[in-house]
Amino acid sequence: MEASVIRAKLDLAIRLYDTTTGAAVDERNVLFMRDGVPVRPESRGSGIYVFINTGREDFLMRIDVFGYERYEACVRYEELDERLPVCYVFLMPSENTVRGRNTLGFSGTLPFLKKIEAVRLSRFLCVTGDMNQRTGIISVFHPSGGTITLEECYYALLSADKQSYERIEVEKMVTPKSFKLKCPLEGGFTPNLPIARIVYGIVREDGQYLLRVQDEGEDTKYLVRYEVGEEVRFQVVDFYDQEVLQ
């Protein structure tokens, strides 16, 4: 009798994060939907779920996690790494189930709005040192000498005046104090530019938007990046004030 061979192929990995903290979401009450049909990926702990031998056709993914707003997005494999397709999902805490944490909300309606996100202007992950233009490797340092850990996802590289930022994608950490860019920078590079974590918001089809951030009783000014049609805009918002996007 010939021995049968069962091959396991990783078709998608999903990593769940709390967008207000950047921490992994380890809540076990999670529901996944693929094109409206419930599916059960394998849990690997620490907010990591994997789909094995499910195929690589594009689909609409919906994720319901207790304590968080519903997440919906299209999975497009042409946008993922062919060898290791990973989706980084940033979940927004629900208003009524924040579990002992206070949040501040920023909401409104803006016609033709497509995306919204923000970075905190008083707290950065690290600051740039030098950049090797040939390899795309950027050295970084922490002003207080703290540990630097960047995931393989998007971050904000702020301009010198902190009035705008470029979204950069980390391909990998090369050393504890340097990382490699996945794509070349579109804007210019200079040393001493802050790198910040991005807080992702929600935009509905009618232009309603919602952002929530942690209320830590400190400076709550954020630089909000939003896309209206094909235009990218920036606005400094104090989450203690009742502001709206302009």
Protein backbone atom coordinates (compact mmCIF):
# COMPACT_ATOMS: atom_id res chain seq x y z
CA MET A 1 0.00 0.00 0.00
CA GLU A 2 1.37 3.36 -0.98
CA ALA A 3 1.72 5.89 1.81
CA SER A 4 -0.47 8.97 1.37
CA VAL A 5 1.10 12.40 1.71
CA ILE A 6 -0.87 15.26 3.23
CA ARG A 7 0.60 18.66 2.52
CA ALA A 8 -0.29 21.64 4.69
CA LYS A 9 -0.13 25.01 3.00
CA LEU A 10 -0.48 28.28 4.88
CA ASP A 11 -2.91 30.36 2.83
CA LEU A 12 -3.41 33.24 5.27
CA ALA A 13 -2.29 34.36 8.71
CA ILE A 14 -4.15 37.03 10.65
CA ARG A 15 -2.72 38.98 13.58
CA LEU A 16 -5.17 40.91 15.75
CA TYR A 17 -4.07 44.11 17.50
CA ASP A 18 -5.78 46.73 19.64
CA THR A 19 -5.30 49.89 17.57
CA THR A 20 -5.30 52.15 20.65
CA THR A 21 -2.44 50.33 22.37
CA GLY A 22 -0.69 48.30 19.69
CA ALA A 23 -0.98 45.20 21.93
CA ALA A 24 -2.06 41.81 20.62
CA VAL A 25 -5.74 40.96 21.15
CA ASP A 26 -6.01 37.61 22.94
CA GLU A 27 -9.81 37.65 23.39
CA ARG A 28 -11.13 34.15 22.67
CA ASN A 29 -14.66 35.22 21.68
CA VAL A 30 -13.91 35.76 17.97
CA LEU A 31 -16.04 35.12 14.86
CA PHE A 32 -14.59 35.07 11.35
CA MET A 33 -16.71 35.38 8.20
CA ARG A 34 -15.46 34.72 4.66
CA ASP A 35 -17.79 36.21 2.02
CA GLY A 36 -20.60 35.99 4.56
CA VAL A 37 -19.90 32.38 5.55
CA PRO A 38 -18.60 31.54 9.06
CA VAL A 39 -15.11 30.00 9.03
CA ARG A 40 -12.88 28.70 11.79
CA PRO A 41 -9.16 29.36 11.36
CA GLU A 42 -6.72 27.72 13.74
CA SER A 43 -5.75 29.80 16.77
CA ARG A 44 -2.05 29.99 17.54
CA GLY A 45 -2.42 32.28 20.57
CA SER A 46 -1.49 35.93 21.09
CA GLY A 47 -4.07 37.07 18.55
CA ILE A 48 -2.69 34.93 15.71
CA TYR A 49 -5.01 32.87 13.49
CA VAL A 50 -4.07 30.79 10.45
CA PHE A 51 -5.97 29.41 7.45
CA ILE A 52 -4.51 26.12 6.20
CA ASN A 53 -5.33 24.64 2.75
CA THR A 54 -8.22 27.05 2.17
CA GLY A 55 -7.09 28.47 -1.18
CA ARG A 56 -5.92 31.93 -2.11
CA GLU A 57 -8.92 33.54 -3.75
CA ASP A 58 -9.69 37.14 -2.80
CA PHE A 59 -12.58 37.49 -0.37
CA LEU A 60 -14.44 39.86 1.96
CA MET A 61 -13.33 39.24 5.54
CA ARG A 62 -15.42 40.16 8.55
CA ILE A 63 -14.16 39.77 12.10
CA ASP A 64 -16.29 40.18 15.23
CA VAL A 65 -14.33 40.25 18.49
CA PHE A 66 -16.00 40.76 21.86
CA GLY A 67 -15.18 44.23 23.16
CA TYR A 68 -14.28 45.65 19.74
CA GLU A 69 -15.99 47.25 16.78
CA ARG A 70 -16.72 45.00 13.82
CA TYR A 71 -13.87 44.81 11.29
CA GLU A 72 -14.46 44.41 7.56
CA ALA A 73 -11.92 44.46 4.75
CA CYS A 74 -11.21 42.84 1.40
CA VAL A 75 -8.34 40.36 1.39
CA ARG A 76 -6.43 40.82 -1.86
CA TYR A 77 -3.61 38.35 -2.31
CA GLU A 78 -1.76 40.53 -4.81
CA GLU A 79 -1.14 42.92 -1.89
CA LEU A 80 0.24 40.19 0.40
CA ASP A 81 3.58 38.42 0.53
CA GLU A 82 3.31 35.28 -1.61
CA ARG A 83 5.58 33.24 0.64
CA LEU A 84 3.99 34.31 3.92
CA PRO A 85 0.62 36.07 3.43
CA VAL A 86 -0.13 37.95 6.65
CA CYS A 87 -2.95 40.40 7.41
CA TYR A 88 -2.36 42.80 10.30
CA VAL A 89 -5.78 43.68 11.70
CA PHE A 90 -6.11 46.68 14.02
CA LEU A 91 -9.30 46.57 16.06
CA MET A 92 -11.01 49.55 17.69
CA PRO A 93 -12.37 49.06 21.23
CA SER A 94 -16.13 49.33 21.59
CA GLU A 95 -17.37 52.32 23.54
CA ASN A 96 -19.15 50.28 26.21
CA THR A 97 -16.67 47.44 26.76
CA VAL A 98 -13.27 49.02 27.18
CA ARG A 99 -12.48 46.92 30.28
CA GLY A 100 -11.22 49.54 32.70
CA ARG A 101 -9.58 51.72 30.08
CA ASN A 102 -10.85 55.20 29.25
CA THR A 103 -10.96 56.25 25.62
CA LEU A 104 -11.62 59.47 23.78
CA GLY A 105 -13.64 59.50 20.57
CA PHE A 106 -13.49 61.67 17.48
CA SER A 107 -16.36 61.35 15.03
CA GLY A 108 -18.35 63.14 12.36
CA THR A 109 -19.29 62.96 8.71
CA LEU A 110 -17.29 64.13 5.70
CA PRO A 111 -18.49 63.44 2.14
CA PHE A 112 -16.18 61.33 -0.07
CA LEU A 113 -14.02 60.31 2.90
CA LYS A 114 -12.21 57.02 2.25
CA LYS A 115 -9.71 56.47 5.10
CA ILE A 116 -8.80 57.97 8.46
CA GLU A 117 -5.95 57.35 10.88
CA ALA A 118 -3.85 59.29 13.36
CA VAL A 119 -0.58 59.44 15.30
CA ARG A 120 0.01 60.89 18.73
CA LEU A 121 2.23 63.99 18.64
CA SER A 122 3.66 63.63 22.13
CA ARG A 123 4.85 60.01 22.01
CA PHE A 124 7.10 58.32 19.47
CA LEU A 125 8.49 54.81 19.11
CA CYS A 126 11.93 55.94 17.99
CA VAL A 127 13.84 58.55 15.99
CA THR A 128 15.75 58.03 12.75
CA GLY A 129 19.51 58.12 12.57
CA ASP A 130 21.06 57.48 9.16
CA MET A 131 19.72 55.77 6.06
CA ASN A 132 21.54 53.58 3.56
CA GLN A 133 19.92 54.62 0.28
CA ARG A 134 21.13 51.49 -1.52
CA THR A 135 19.81 48.91 0.95
CA GLY A 136 16.89 50.88 2.41
CA ILE A 137 18.14 50.23 5.93
CA ILE A 138 17.43 52.96 8.48
CA SER A 139 19.18 53.18 11.83
CA VAL A 140 17.05 54.33 14.76
CA PHE A 141 17.45 55.25 18.40
CA HIS A 142 15.21 55.86 21.39
CA PRO A 143 15.72 59.26 23.06
CA SER A 144 15.53 57.66 26.51
CA GLY A 145 17.58 54.62 25.52
CA GLY A 146 14.60 52.27 25.62
CA THR A 147 14.12 49.06 23.63
CA ILE A 148 12.92 49.43 20.04
CA THR A 149 10.60 46.82 18.59
CA LEU A 150 8.92 47.34 15.22
CA GLU A 151 6.54 44.79 13.69
CA GLU A 152 6.51 44.06 9.97
CA CYS A 153 3.71 46.51 9.25
CA TYR A 154 3.05 50.22 8.64
CA TYR A 155 4.28 53.12 10.74
CA ALA A 156 4.32 56.90 10.37
CA LEU A 157 7.53 58.74 9.50
CA LEU A 158 6.77 62.30 10.56
CA SER A 159 8.06 65.37 8.77
CA ALA A 160 10.43 67.70 10.59
CA ASP A 161 7.61 70.16 11.36
CA LYS A 162 5.25 67.34 12.47
CA GLN A 163 2.49 68.62 10.19
CA SER A 164 2.43 65.54 7.94
CA TYR A 165 3.85 62.05 7.70
CA GLU A 166 4.68 59.32 5.21
CA ARG A 167 3.39 55.82 5.81
CA ILE A 168 6.33 53.41 5.77
CA GLU A 169 6.30 49.62 5.87
CA VAL A 170 8.91 47.71 7.85
CA GLU A 171 10.18 44.62 6.05
CA LYS A 172 12.22 43.36 8.99
CA MET A 173 14.35 44.43 11.93
CA VAL A 174 17.99 44.04 10.86
CA THR A 175 19.48 44.77 14.28
CA PRO A 176 17.94 45.98 17.56
CA LYS A 177 18.61 49.51 16.28
CA SER A 178 17.95 49.33 12.55
CA PHE A 179 15.25 48.14 10.16
CA LYS A 180 14.81 47.60 6.44
CA LEU A 181 12.11 49.39 4.46
CA LYS A 182 9.86 47.25 2.28
CA CYS A 183 9.47 50.03 -0.31
CA PRO A 184 11.55 53.15 -1.08
CA LEU A 185 10.52 56.42 0.52
CA GLU A 186 8.38 58.71 -1.59
CA GLY A 187 9.43 61.83 0.31
CA GLY A 188 12.84 62.99 1.40
CA PHE A 189 14.81 61.64 4.33
CA THR A 190 16.71 63.51 7.00
CA PRO A 191 18.05 62.33 10.37
CA ASN A 192 16.10 62.91 13.60
CA LEU A 193 12.65 62.24 12.15
CA PRO A 194 10.19 60.69 14.63
CA ILE A 195 8.57 57.32 13.89
CA ALA A 196 5.14 56.82 15.46
CA ARG A 197 2.57 54.05 15.76
CA ILE A 198 -0.59 54.54 13.70
CA VAL A 199 -4.08 54.45 15.24
CA TYR A 200 -6.59 53.30 12.63
CA GLY A 201 -10.15 54.60 12.39
CA ILE A 202 -13.37 53.44 10.75
CA VAL A 203 -15.09 55.05 7.75
CA ARG A 204 -18.62 54.13 6.66
CA GLU A 205 -19.91 54.31 3.10
CA ASP A 206 -21.77 57.57 3.82
CA GLY A 207 -18.63 59.32 5.06
CA GLN A 208 -19.20 58.80 8.79
CA TYR A 209 -15.89 58.40 10.59
CA LEU A 210 -14.79 57.28 14.04
CA LEU A 211 -11.45 57.32 15.83
CA ARG A 212 -10.82 56.24 19.41
CA VAL A 213 -7.62 56.76 21.37
CA GLN A 214 -6.53 56.12 24.94
CA ASP A 215 -7.33 58.81 27.49
CA GLU A 216 -4.25 58.89 29.67
CA GLY A 217 -4.83 62.34 31.13
CA GLU A 218 -1.94 63.84 29.21
CA ASP A 219 -1.52 65.73 25.95
CA THR A 220 -4.16 64.34 23.60
CA LYS A 221 -3.18 66.10 20.40
CA TYR A 222 -3.01 63.83 17.38
CA LEU A 223 -2.06 64.39 13.77
CA VAL A 224 -4.96 62.96 11.76
CA ARG A 225 -4.35 61.73 8.23
CA TYR A 226 -7.42 61.30 6.05
CA GLU A 227 -8.16 60.66 2.39
CA VAL A 228 -10.94 62.56 0.65
CA GLY A 229 -11.34 61.24 -2.87
CA GLU A 230 -7.78 61.16 -4.21
CA GLU A 231 -6.53 63.90 -1.87
CA VAL A 232 -4.54 63.23 1.32
CA ARG A 233 -5.07 65.78 4.09
CA PHE A 234 -3.65 66.30 7.57
CA GLN A 235 -5.17 68.05 10.56
CA VAL A 236 -4.00 68.43 14.17
CA VAL A 237 -6.85 67.41 16.48
CA ASP A 238 -7.13 67.69 20.26
CA PHE A 239 -9.35 64.79 21.32
CA TYR A 240 -10.59 66.77 24.36
CA ASP A 241 -12.21 69.28 22.02
CA GLN A 242 -15.27 68.72 19.84
CA GLU A 243 -13.54 69.23 16.53
CA VAL A 244 -14.48 67.99 13.07
CA LEU A 245 -12.49 67.32 9.93
CA GLN A 246 -12.17 70.28 7.58
